[in-house]
Amino acid sequence: NQMKSFFVSSVSHDLKTPLTSIKMFTEFLRNNKDNSSKKEEYLKIIEGETNRLTRLIDNVLDLTKIEKNLKEYQFEEIELAEVVDEVLDILEYQIIMSGLKITKTTSGEKLKVYADKDAVIRSVINLINNAIKFSTGKKEIAVSTYCQNSLACIEVKDFGAGIENDEVDKETNFYHVDNNMNTLK
């Protein structure tokens, strides 16, 4: 119950932020009909926040399906550098608004995997969103694709404070701290 309460609180906060921006810029457009120079900028902000809300809602719906074992995956051959490019396009608005510099490094070879493309995209979006949210100090995120021990990898690295070693779950490639999912690699 405590975890569900935290989840509802966290999701509510994450939904409220973009809604506030959408409302504010919509009201500005409605009240300032003569200011066409800012119109495109504000419409782009509204579109970016709407897309962010859609992703948040899709994530909640997917979590519900996964929890009930109803999630169906559509496997296909995908190339990881293309997935990273698509994610960076999707998150362009958030990256610009956060003021973070993104450095992308891709393997010299095409890294193809057989996976559900939407699930991989959502995973990388979540990792980059967490890097954006928790980056302090150096405002940079490094995203790379590479092959290690015959495994195709996507790595998202931020330069924030990090976590204490005793909080890292060594059983998996993911760790869980304060209900935020990030990757070690």
N, C-alpha and C. Protein backbone atom coordinates (compact mmCIF):
# COMPACT_ATOMS: atom_id res chain seq x y z
N ASN A 1 0.82 -1.21 0.00
CA ASN A 1 0.00 0.00 0.00
C ASN A 1 0.85 1.26 0.00
N GLN A 2 1.95 1.23 0.78
CA GLN A 2 2.83 2.38 0.84
C GLN A 2 3.48 2.64 -0.52
N MET A 3 3.89 1.57 -1.22
CA MET A 3 4.49 1.72 -2.54
C MET A 3 3.47 2.26 -3.54
N LYS A 4 2.23 1.77 -3.45
CA LYS A 4 1.19 2.26 -4.37
C LYS A 4 0.89 3.73 -4.10
N SER A 5 0.88 4.12 -2.84
CA SER A 5 0.66 5.53 -2.50
C SER A 5 1.77 6.40 -3.07
N PHE A 6 3.01 5.95 -2.92
CA PHE A 6 4.13 6.71 -3.47
C PHE A 6 4.03 6.79 -4.98
N PHE A 7 3.64 5.68 -5.62
CA PHE A 7 3.50 5.64 -7.07
C PHE A 7 2.43 6.63 -7.54
N VAL A 8 1.27 6.61 -6.91
CA VAL A 8 0.19 7.53 -7.28
C VAL A 8 0.64 8.98 -7.08
N SER A 9 1.30 9.26 -5.98
CA SER A 9 1.79 10.60 -5.70
C SER A 9 2.80 11.03 -6.76
N SER A 10 3.72 10.14 -7.09
CA SER A 10 4.76 10.45 -8.08
C SER A 10 4.15 10.67 -9.47
N VAL A 11 3.24 9.81 -9.87
CA VAL A 11 2.60 9.94 -11.19
C VAL A 11 1.78 11.22 -11.24
N SER A 12 1.07 11.53 -10.17
CA SER A 12 0.27 12.76 -10.13
C SER A 12 1.14 13.98 -10.32
N HIS A 13 2.28 14.00 -9.65
CA HIS A 13 3.22 15.12 -9.79
C HIS A 13 3.75 15.19 -11.22
N ASP A 14 4.13 14.04 -11.77
CA ASP A 14 4.67 14.01 -13.14
C ASP A 14 3.63 14.43 -14.17
N LEU A 15 2.36 14.18 -13.92
CA LEU A 15 1.30 14.59 -14.84
C LEU A 15 0.97 16.08 -14.69
N LYS A 16 1.07 16.58 -13.48
CA LYS A 16 0.69 17.96 -13.20
C LYS A 16 1.63 18.98 -13.84
N THR A 17 2.93 18.67 -13.87
CA THR A 17 3.92 19.61 -14.41
C THR A 17 3.64 19.95 -15.87
N PRO A 18 3.52 18.97 -16.77
CA PRO A 18 3.23 19.34 -18.17
C PRO A 18 1.85 19.96 -18.34
N LEU A 19 0.87 19.54 -17.55
CA LEU A 19 -0.46 20.14 -17.65
C LEU A 19 -0.42 21.63 -17.31
N THR A 20 0.38 22.00 -16.32
CA THR A 20 0.51 23.41 -15.95
C THR A 20 1.09 24.21 -17.11
N SER A 21 2.11 23.68 -17.78
CA SER A 21 2.70 24.36 -18.93
C SER A 21 1.70 24.50 -20.07
N ILE A 22 0.98 23.43 -20.35
CA ILE A 22 0.00 23.46 -21.43
C ILE A 22 -1.05 24.52 -21.15
N LYS A 23 -1.57 24.54 -19.92
CA LYS A 23 -2.59 25.52 -19.56
C LYS A 23 -2.06 26.95 -19.67
N MET A 24 -0.86 27.18 -19.16
CA MET A 24 -0.29 28.52 -19.17
C MET A 24 -0.08 29.04 -20.60
N PHE A 25 0.50 28.22 -21.46
CA PHE A 25 0.78 28.68 -22.82
C PHE A 25 -0.48 28.76 -23.67
N THR A 26 -1.47 27.92 -23.40
CA THR A 26 -2.76 28.02 -24.09
C THR A 26 -3.44 29.32 -23.73
N GLU A 27 -3.44 29.66 -22.43
CA GLU A 27 -4.04 30.93 -22.00
C GLU A 27 -3.32 32.12 -22.61
N PHE A 28 -2.00 32.04 -22.69
CA PHE A 28 -1.24 33.14 -23.28
C PHE A 28 -1.63 33.32 -24.75
N LEU A 29 -1.74 32.21 -25.49
CA LEU A 29 -2.13 32.29 -26.90
C LEU A 29 -3.55 32.86 -27.05
N ARG A 30 -4.42 32.45 -26.17
CA ARG A 30 -5.81 32.93 -26.21
C ARG A 30 -5.88 34.43 -25.92
N ASN A 31 -5.11 34.90 -24.96
CA ASN A 31 -5.18 36.30 -24.53
C ASN A 31 -4.32 37.25 -25.35
N ASN A 32 -3.37 36.73 -26.11
CA ASN A 32 -2.46 37.58 -26.89
C ASN A 32 -2.50 37.20 -28.36
N LYS A 33 -3.63 37.43 -28.96
CA LYS A 33 -3.83 37.03 -30.36
C LYS A 33 -2.92 37.78 -31.32
N ASP A 34 -2.45 38.95 -30.95
CA ASP A 34 -1.64 39.76 -31.86
C ASP A 34 -0.15 39.40 -31.83
N ASN A 35 0.30 38.56 -30.92
CA ASN A 35 1.71 38.24 -30.79
C ASN A 35 2.06 36.97 -31.57
N SER A 36 2.10 37.08 -32.89
CA SER A 36 2.34 35.92 -33.73
C SER A 36 3.80 35.47 -33.70
N SER A 37 4.73 36.34 -33.27
CA SER A 37 6.14 35.96 -33.24
C SER A 37 6.41 34.85 -32.22
N LYS A 38 5.65 34.80 -31.16
CA LYS A 38 5.83 33.78 -30.12
C LYS A 38 4.91 32.57 -30.32
N LYS A 39 3.96 32.69 -31.21
CA LYS A 39 2.94 31.65 -31.39
C LYS A 39 3.57 30.28 -31.68
N GLU A 40 4.47 30.20 -32.64
CA GLU A 40 5.09 28.91 -32.99
C GLU A 40 5.88 28.33 -31.83
N GLU A 41 6.59 29.17 -31.10
CA GLU A 41 7.36 28.71 -29.95
C GLU A 41 6.43 28.11 -28.89
N TYR A 42 5.33 28.79 -28.60
CA TYR A 42 4.40 28.31 -27.58
C TYR A 42 3.66 27.05 -28.04
N LEU A 43 3.34 26.99 -29.32
CA LEU A 43 2.69 25.78 -29.85
C LEU A 43 3.64 24.58 -29.76
N LYS A 44 4.93 24.81 -29.98
CA LYS A 44 5.91 23.74 -29.87
C LYS A 44 6.02 23.26 -28.41
N ILE A 45 5.97 24.19 -27.47
CA ILE A 45 5.98 23.82 -26.05
C ILE A 45 4.74 23.00 -25.71
N ILE A 46 3.58 23.44 -26.16
CA ILE A 46 2.34 22.71 -25.89
C ILE A 46 2.41 21.30 -26.49
N GLU A 47 2.92 21.20 -27.72
CA GLU A 47 3.05 19.89 -28.37
C GLU A 47 4.03 19.00 -27.59
N GLY A 48 5.16 19.56 -27.16
CA GLY A 48 6.14 18.78 -26.40
C GLY A 48 5.58 18.27 -25.09
N GLU A 49 4.86 19.13 -24.38
CA GLU A 49 4.27 18.73 -23.09
C GLU A 49 3.16 17.70 -23.30
N THR A 50 2.40 17.84 -24.37
CA THR A 50 1.34 16.87 -24.69
C THR A 50 1.96 15.51 -24.98
N ASN A 51 3.03 15.49 -25.75
CA ASN A 51 3.72 14.23 -26.04
C ASN A 51 4.27 13.60 -24.76
N ARG A 52 4.80 14.43 -23.86
CA ARG A 52 5.31 13.92 -22.59
C ARG A 52 4.19 13.30 -21.76
N LEU A 53 3.04 13.95 -21.72
CA LEU A 53 1.89 13.38 -21.00
C LEU A 53 1.46 12.05 -21.60
N THR A 54 1.44 11.97 -22.91
CA THR A 54 1.07 10.73 -23.58
C THR A 54 2.02 9.61 -23.19
N ARG A 55 3.33 9.89 -23.16
CA ARG A 55 4.31 8.88 -22.77
C ARG A 55 4.10 8.43 -21.33
N LEU A 56 3.83 9.39 -20.43
CA LEU A 56 3.60 9.04 -19.03
C LEU A 56 2.39 8.14 -18.88
N ILE A 57 1.31 8.48 -19.55
CA ILE A 57 0.09 7.67 -19.48
C ILE A 57 0.33 6.29 -20.08
N ASP A 58 1.02 6.22 -21.22
CA ASP A 58 1.34 4.92 -21.82
C ASP A 58 2.17 4.06 -20.87
N ASN A 59 3.11 4.68 -20.16
CA ASN A 59 3.93 3.93 -19.19
C ASN A 59 3.08 3.35 -18.07
N VAL A 60 2.14 4.14 -17.56
CA VAL A 60 1.26 3.66 -16.49
C VAL A 60 0.40 2.51 -17.00
N LEU A 61 -0.14 2.65 -18.20
CA LEU A 61 -0.97 1.58 -18.77
C LEU A 61 -0.14 0.32 -19.01
N ASP A 62 1.09 0.48 -19.49
CA ASP A 62 1.96 -0.68 -19.69
C ASP A 62 2.28 -1.37 -18.37
N LEU A 63 2.55 -0.59 -17.32
CA LEU A 63 2.85 -1.18 -16.01
C LEU A 63 1.67 -2.03 -15.53
N THR A 64 0.47 -1.53 -15.75
CA THR A 64 -0.72 -2.27 -15.36
C THR A 64 -0.82 -3.58 -16.14
N LYS A 65 -0.57 -3.54 -17.44
CA LYS A 65 -0.61 -4.75 -18.26
C LYS A 65 0.47 -5.74 -17.83
N ILE A 66 1.67 -5.24 -17.55
CA ILE A 66 2.76 -6.11 -17.13
C ILE A 66 2.43 -6.77 -15.80
N GLU A 67 1.89 -5.97 -14.86
CA GLU A 67 1.53 -6.49 -13.54
C GLU A 67 0.49 -7.61 -13.64
N LYS A 68 -0.42 -7.50 -14.61
CA LYS A 68 -1.50 -8.48 -14.78
C LYS A 68 -1.13 -9.57 -15.79
N ASN A 69 0.13 -9.57 -16.25
CA ASN A 69 0.59 -10.53 -17.26
C ASN A 69 -0.21 -10.45 -18.56
N LEU A 70 -0.64 -9.26 -18.93
CA LEU A 70 -1.42 -9.07 -20.15
C LEU A 70 -0.63 -8.35 -21.25
N LYS A 71 0.58 -7.94 -20.94
CA LYS A 71 1.39 -7.21 -21.91
C LYS A 71 1.82 -8.15 -23.02
N GLU A 72 1.54 -7.75 -24.26
CA GLU A 72 1.97 -8.54 -25.41
C GLU A 72 3.08 -7.79 -26.13
N TYR A 73 4.14 -8.50 -26.43
CA TYR A 73 5.29 -7.90 -27.09
C TYR A 73 5.31 -8.30 -28.56
N GLN A 74 5.73 -7.38 -29.41
CA GLN A 74 5.84 -7.61 -30.85
C GLN A 74 7.32 -7.62 -31.20
N PHE A 75 7.90 -8.81 -31.32
CA PHE A 75 9.33 -8.92 -31.56
C PHE A 75 9.66 -8.75 -33.04
N GLU A 76 10.76 -8.04 -33.28
CA GLU A 76 11.25 -7.81 -34.63
C GLU A 76 12.74 -7.49 -34.52
N GLU A 77 13.43 -7.52 -35.65
CA GLU A 77 14.84 -7.15 -35.65
C GLU A 77 14.94 -5.63 -35.64
N ILE A 78 15.68 -5.10 -34.67
CA ILE A 78 15.86 -3.65 -34.56
C ILE A 78 17.35 -3.34 -34.45
N GLU A 79 17.72 -2.14 -34.85
CA GLU A 79 19.12 -1.71 -34.77
C GLU A 79 19.22 -0.66 -33.67
N LEU A 80 20.12 -0.86 -32.71
CA LEU A 80 20.15 -0.04 -31.50
C LEU A 80 20.47 1.43 -31.76
N ALA A 81 21.36 1.74 -32.68
CA ALA A 81 21.68 3.16 -32.96
C ALA A 81 20.45 3.87 -33.51
N GLU A 82 19.65 3.18 -34.31
CA GLU A 82 18.42 3.77 -34.83
C GLU A 82 17.42 4.03 -33.70
N VAL A 83 17.35 3.11 -32.75
CA VAL A 83 16.48 3.28 -31.58
C VAL A 83 16.91 4.52 -30.79
N VAL A 84 18.21 4.66 -30.56
CA VAL A 84 18.73 5.82 -29.82
C VAL A 84 18.38 7.11 -30.57
N ASP A 85 18.57 7.13 -31.88
CA ASP A 85 18.22 8.32 -32.67
C ASP A 85 16.74 8.66 -32.53
N GLU A 86 15.90 7.64 -32.59
CA GLU A 86 14.45 7.86 -32.46
C GLU A 86 14.10 8.42 -31.08
N VAL A 87 14.72 7.88 -30.03
CA VAL A 87 14.47 8.37 -28.67
C VAL A 87 14.92 9.82 -28.53
N LEU A 88 16.09 10.14 -29.05
CA LEU A 88 16.58 11.52 -28.96
C LEU A 88 15.67 12.49 -29.71
N ASP A 89 15.09 12.04 -30.83
CA ASP A 89 14.10 12.86 -31.55
C ASP A 89 12.84 13.06 -30.70
N ILE A 90 12.37 11.99 -30.07
CA ILE A 90 11.17 12.05 -29.23
C ILE A 90 11.39 13.00 -28.06
N LEU A 91 12.58 12.96 -27.47
CA LEU A 91 12.88 13.75 -26.27
C LEU A 91 13.51 15.11 -26.57
N GLU A 92 13.58 15.48 -27.83
CA GLU A 92 14.24 16.73 -28.20
C GLU A 92 13.75 17.92 -27.38
N TYR A 93 12.45 18.04 -27.24
CA TYR A 93 11.87 19.17 -26.49
C TYR A 93 12.36 19.15 -25.04
N GLN A 94 12.28 18.00 -24.37
CA GLN A 94 12.69 17.92 -22.97
C GLN A 94 14.19 18.19 -22.81
N ILE A 95 14.98 17.72 -23.75
CA ILE A 95 16.43 17.94 -23.69
C ILE A 95 16.74 19.42 -23.80
N ILE A 96 16.09 20.09 -24.74
CA ILE A 96 16.30 21.53 -24.92
C ILE A 96 15.86 22.29 -23.67
N MET A 97 14.68 21.95 -23.13
CA MET A 97 14.16 22.65 -21.96
C MET A 97 15.04 22.42 -20.72
N SER A 98 15.67 21.26 -20.63
CA SER A 98 16.50 20.95 -19.46
C SER A 98 17.87 21.62 -19.53
N GLY A 99 18.27 22.04 -20.71
CA GLY A 99 19.58 22.69 -20.87
C GLY A 99 20.74 21.71 -20.82
N LEU A 100 20.45 20.43 -20.98
CA LEU A 100 21.50 19.41 -20.94
C LEU A 100 22.12 19.20 -22.32
N LYS A 101 23.40 18.88 -22.30
CA LYS A 101 24.11 18.52 -23.53
C LYS A 101 24.06 17.00 -23.64
N ILE A 102 23.69 16.50 -24.80
CA ILE A 102 23.65 15.06 -25.04
C ILE A 102 24.83 14.70 -25.95
N THR A 103 25.62 13.74 -25.51
CA THR A 103 26.70 13.21 -26.33
C THR A 103 26.31 11.79 -26.73
N LYS A 104 26.32 11.53 -28.04
CA LYS A 104 25.93 10.21 -28.53
C LYS A 104 27.13 9.55 -29.20
N THR A 105 27.40 8.30 -28.80
CA THR A 105 28.47 7.51 -29.40
C THR A 105 27.86 6.18 -29.81
N THR A 106 28.08 5.81 -31.06
CA THR A 106 27.53 4.53 -31.52
C THR A 106 28.66 3.61 -31.96
N SER A 107 28.39 2.33 -31.87
CA SER A 107 29.35 1.31 -32.28
C SER A 107 29.61 1.46 -33.77
N GLY A 108 30.81 1.09 -34.20
CA GLY A 108 31.14 1.13 -35.61
C GLY A 108 30.36 0.12 -36.42
N GLU A 109 29.85 -0.91 -35.75
CA GLU A 109 29.07 -1.94 -36.44
C GLU A 109 27.58 -1.78 -36.11
N LYS A 110 26.74 -2.28 -36.99
CA LYS A 110 25.30 -2.25 -36.73
C LYS A 110 25.00 -3.30 -35.66
N LEU A 111 24.36 -2.84 -34.59
CA LEU A 111 24.00 -3.73 -33.49
C LEU A 111 22.52 -4.07 -33.59
N LYS A 112 22.24 -5.24 -34.13
CA LYS A 112 20.85 -5.66 -34.33
C LYS A 112 20.46 -6.66 -33.25
N VAL A 113 19.26 -6.46 -32.72
CA VAL A 113 18.70 -7.37 -31.72
C VAL A 113 17.27 -7.70 -32.11
N TYR A 114 16.79 -8.80 -31.61
CA TYR A 114 15.41 -9.21 -31.82
C TYR A 114 14.64 -8.85 -30.56
N ALA A 115 13.81 -7.80 -30.64
CA ALA A 115 13.14 -7.29 -29.44
C ALA A 115 11.87 -6.54 -29.82
N ASP A 116 11.09 -6.19 -28.83
CA ASP A 116 9.92 -5.33 -29.03
C ASP A 116 10.43 -3.89 -29.09
N LYS A 117 10.36 -3.29 -30.26
CA LYS A 117 10.93 -1.95 -30.47
C LYS A 117 10.32 -0.93 -29.52
N ASP A 118 9.01 -0.93 -29.36
CA ASP A 118 8.35 0.03 -28.48
C ASP A 118 8.82 -0.13 -27.03
N ALA A 119 9.00 -1.37 -26.58
CA ALA A 119 9.46 -1.60 -25.20
C ALA A 119 10.89 -1.09 -25.02
N VAL A 120 11.75 -1.30 -26.00
CA VAL A 120 13.13 -0.82 -25.91
C VAL A 120 13.13 0.71 -25.92
N ILE A 121 12.33 1.30 -26.80
CA ILE A 121 12.24 2.77 -26.86
C ILE A 121 11.78 3.32 -25.52
N ARG A 122 10.74 2.73 -24.94
CA ARG A 122 10.24 3.21 -23.64
C ARG A 122 11.30 3.07 -22.55
N SER A 123 12.06 1.97 -22.59
CA SER A 123 13.11 1.77 -21.59
C SER A 123 14.18 2.85 -21.70
N VAL A 124 14.61 3.14 -22.92
CA VAL A 124 15.65 4.15 -23.12
C VAL A 124 15.10 5.54 -22.78
N ILE A 125 13.84 5.80 -23.13
CA ILE A 125 13.22 7.07 -22.75
C ILE A 125 13.23 7.23 -21.23
N ASN A 126 12.86 6.17 -20.51
CA ASN A 126 12.84 6.23 -19.05
C ASN A 126 14.23 6.49 -18.48
N LEU A 127 15.24 5.83 -19.04
CA LEU A 127 16.60 6.04 -18.56
C LEU A 127 17.06 7.48 -18.79
N ILE A 128 16.78 8.00 -19.99
CA ILE A 128 17.19 9.38 -20.28
C ILE A 128 16.38 10.37 -19.45
N ASN A 129 15.08 10.12 -19.28
CA ASN A 129 14.26 10.99 -18.42
C ASN A 129 14.82 11.03 -17.00
N ASN A 130 15.21 9.88 -16.47
CA ASN A 130 15.79 9.85 -15.13
C ASN A 130 17.12 10.59 -15.09
N ALA A 131 17.92 10.44 -16.14
CA ALA A 131 19.19 11.17 -16.20
C ALA A 131 18.94 12.67 -16.24
N ILE A 132 17.91 13.09 -16.99
CA ILE A 132 17.55 14.51 -17.04
C ILE A 132 17.10 14.97 -15.65
N LYS A 133 16.22 14.19 -15.05
CA LYS A 133 15.62 14.56 -13.77
C LYS A 133 16.65 14.65 -12.65
N PHE A 134 17.63 13.75 -12.65
CA PHE A 134 18.54 13.66 -11.52
C PHE A 134 19.94 14.18 -11.80
N SER A 135 20.14 14.81 -12.95
CA SER A 135 21.45 15.38 -13.25
C SER A 135 21.64 16.67 -12.46
N THR A 136 22.73 16.71 -11.73
CA THR A 136 23.10 17.92 -11.00
C THR A 136 24.54 18.21 -11.34
N GLY A 137 24.95 19.41 -11.18
CA GLY A 137 26.34 19.76 -11.49
C GLY A 137 26.57 19.81 -12.98
N LYS A 138 27.37 18.90 -13.49
CA LYS A 138 27.70 18.85 -14.91
C LYS A 138 26.45 18.49 -15.72
N LYS A 139 26.00 19.40 -16.56
CA LYS A 139 24.75 19.22 -17.31
C LYS A 139 25.02 18.50 -18.62
N GLU A 140 25.31 17.20 -18.51
CA GLU A 140 25.62 16.41 -19.69
C GLU A 140 25.14 14.98 -19.50
N ILE A 141 24.67 14.38 -20.59
CA ILE A 141 24.28 12.98 -20.59
C ILE A 141 24.99 12.32 -21.78
N ALA A 142 25.58 11.17 -21.55
CA ALA A 142 26.24 10.41 -22.60
C ALA A 142 25.40 9.17 -22.91
N VAL A 143 25.07 8.99 -24.17
CA VAL A 143 24.31 7.83 -24.62
C VAL A 143 25.18 7.09 -25.63
N SER A 144 25.36 5.79 -25.41
CA SER A 144 26.19 5.04 -26.35
C SER A 144 25.64 3.65 -26.61
N THR A 145 25.99 3.14 -27.77
CA THR A 145 25.68 1.75 -28.13
C THR A 145 27.01 1.05 -28.39
N TYR A 146 27.11 -0.20 -27.96
CA TYR A 146 28.35 -0.94 -28.16
C TYR A 146 28.08 -2.43 -27.96
N CYS A 147 29.05 -3.23 -28.33
CA CYS A 147 28.97 -4.67 -28.15
C CYS A 147 29.98 -5.07 -27.08
N GLN A 148 29.52 -5.85 -26.09
CA GLN A 148 30.40 -6.30 -25.01
C GLN A 148 30.07 -7.76 -24.71
N ASN A 149 31.06 -8.62 -24.80
CA ASN A 149 30.87 -10.06 -24.55
C ASN A 149 29.71 -10.62 -25.38
N SER A 150 29.67 -10.27 -26.63
CA SER A 150 28.64 -10.71 -27.59
C SER A 150 27.25 -10.18 -27.26
N LEU A 151 27.15 -9.19 -26.39
CA LEU A 151 25.86 -8.58 -26.05
C LEU A 151 25.80 -7.18 -26.64
N ALA A 152 24.67 -6.84 -27.25
CA ALA A 152 24.44 -5.49 -27.75
C ALA A 152 23.96 -4.65 -26.57
N CYS A 153 24.58 -3.49 -26.35
CA CYS A 153 24.29 -2.68 -25.17
C CYS A 153 23.94 -1.24 -25.54
N ILE A 154 23.05 -0.67 -24.75
CA ILE A 154 22.79 0.77 -24.77
C ILE A 154 23.14 1.25 -23.38
N GLU A 155 23.95 2.30 -23.32
CA GLU A 155 24.37 2.85 -22.03
C GLU A 155 23.92 4.31 -21.96
N VAL A 156 23.28 4.66 -20.84
CA VAL A 156 22.90 6.05 -20.58
C VAL A 156 23.64 6.44 -19.31
N LYS A 157 24.46 7.49 -19.43
CA LYS A 157 25.29 7.89 -18.30
C LYS A 157 25.07 9.38 -18.04
N ASP A 158 24.73 9.70 -16.80
CA ASP A 158 24.67 11.11 -16.42
C ASP A 158 25.83 11.38 -15.46
N PHE A 159 26.00 12.62 -15.11
CA PHE A 159 27.13 13.00 -14.26
C PHE A 159 26.63 13.58 -12.95
N GLY A 160 25.52 13.00 -12.46
CA GLY A 160 24.95 13.42 -11.19
C GLY A 160 25.69 12.82 -10.02
N ALA A 161 25.11 12.95 -8.84
CA ALA A 161 25.75 12.50 -7.60
C ALA A 161 25.90 10.99 -7.55
N GLY A 162 25.03 10.26 -8.22
CA GLY A 162 25.10 8.80 -8.17
C GLY A 162 24.48 8.25 -6.91
N ILE A 163 24.72 6.97 -6.67
CA ILE A 163 24.16 6.31 -5.49
C ILE A 163 25.29 5.62 -4.73
N GLU A 164 25.03 5.32 -3.51
CA GLU A 164 26.00 4.61 -2.68
C GLU A 164 26.07 3.15 -3.13
N ASN A 165 27.27 2.57 -3.07
CA ASN A 165 27.46 1.19 -3.51
C ASN A 165 26.57 0.20 -2.77
N ASP A 166 26.30 0.45 -1.49
CA ASP A 166 25.49 -0.51 -0.73
C ASP A 166 24.02 -0.48 -1.15
N GLU A 167 23.63 0.48 -1.99
CA GLU A 167 22.25 0.54 -2.47
C GLU A 167 22.06 -0.12 -3.83
N VAL A 168 23.15 -0.54 -4.44
CA VAL A 168 23.08 -1.15 -5.76
C VAL A 168 22.70 -2.62 -5.62
N ASP A 169 21.69 -3.03 -6.37
CA ASP A 169 21.28 -4.42 -6.40
C ASP A 169 22.20 -5.15 -7.38
N LYS A 170 23.12 -5.96 -6.86
CA LYS A 170 24.13 -6.61 -7.70
C LYS A 170 23.59 -7.82 -8.46
N GLU A 171 22.35 -8.19 -8.27
CA GLU A 171 21.78 -9.34 -8.94
C GLU A 171 21.34 -9.03 -10.36
N THR A 172 21.28 -7.77 -10.72
CA THR A 172 20.73 -7.40 -12.02
C THR A 172 21.49 -6.21 -12.57
N ASN A 173 21.25 -5.87 -13.82
CA ASN A 173 21.88 -4.70 -14.43
C ASN A 173 21.15 -3.42 -14.08
N PHE A 174 20.08 -3.51 -13.31
CA PHE A 174 19.33 -2.33 -12.91
C PHE A 174 19.41 -2.17 -11.40
N TYR A 175 19.28 -0.96 -10.95
CA TYR A 175 19.21 -0.73 -9.51
C TYR A 175 17.99 0.10 -9.20
N HIS A 176 17.58 0.04 -7.96
CA HIS A 176 16.35 0.70 -7.54
C HIS A 176 16.63 1.50 -6.28
N VAL A 177 16.53 2.80 -6.38
CA VAL A 177 16.76 3.69 -5.24
C VAL A 177 15.65 4.72 -5.22
N ASP A 178 15.01 4.88 -4.10
CA ASP A 178 13.93 5.87 -3.96
C ASP A 178 12.92 5.76 -5.11
N ASN A 179 12.60 4.53 -5.49
CA ASN A 179 11.61 4.24 -6.53
C ASN A 179 11.95 4.83 -7.90
N ASN A 180 13.22 5.04 -8.20
CA ASN A 180 13.64 5.51 -9.52
C ASN A 180 14.50 4.44 -10.17
N MET A 181 14.13 4.04 -11.39
CA MET A 181 14.84 2.97 -12.08
C MET A 181 15.89 3.57 -13.01
N ASN A 182 17.12 3.17 -12.84
CA ASN A 182 18.22 3.62 -13.70
C ASN A 182 19.05 2.39 -14.10
N THR A 183 19.97 2.57 -14.97
CA THR A 183 20.81 1.46 -15.37
C THR A 183 22.25 1.69 -14.97
N LEU A 184 22.94 0.60 -14.67
CA LEU A 184 24.36 0.69 -14.40
C LEU A 184 25.13 0.83 -15.71
N LYS A 185 24.63 0.22 -16.74
CA LYS A 185 25.23 0.32 -18.07
C LYS A 185 24.14 0.46 -19.08
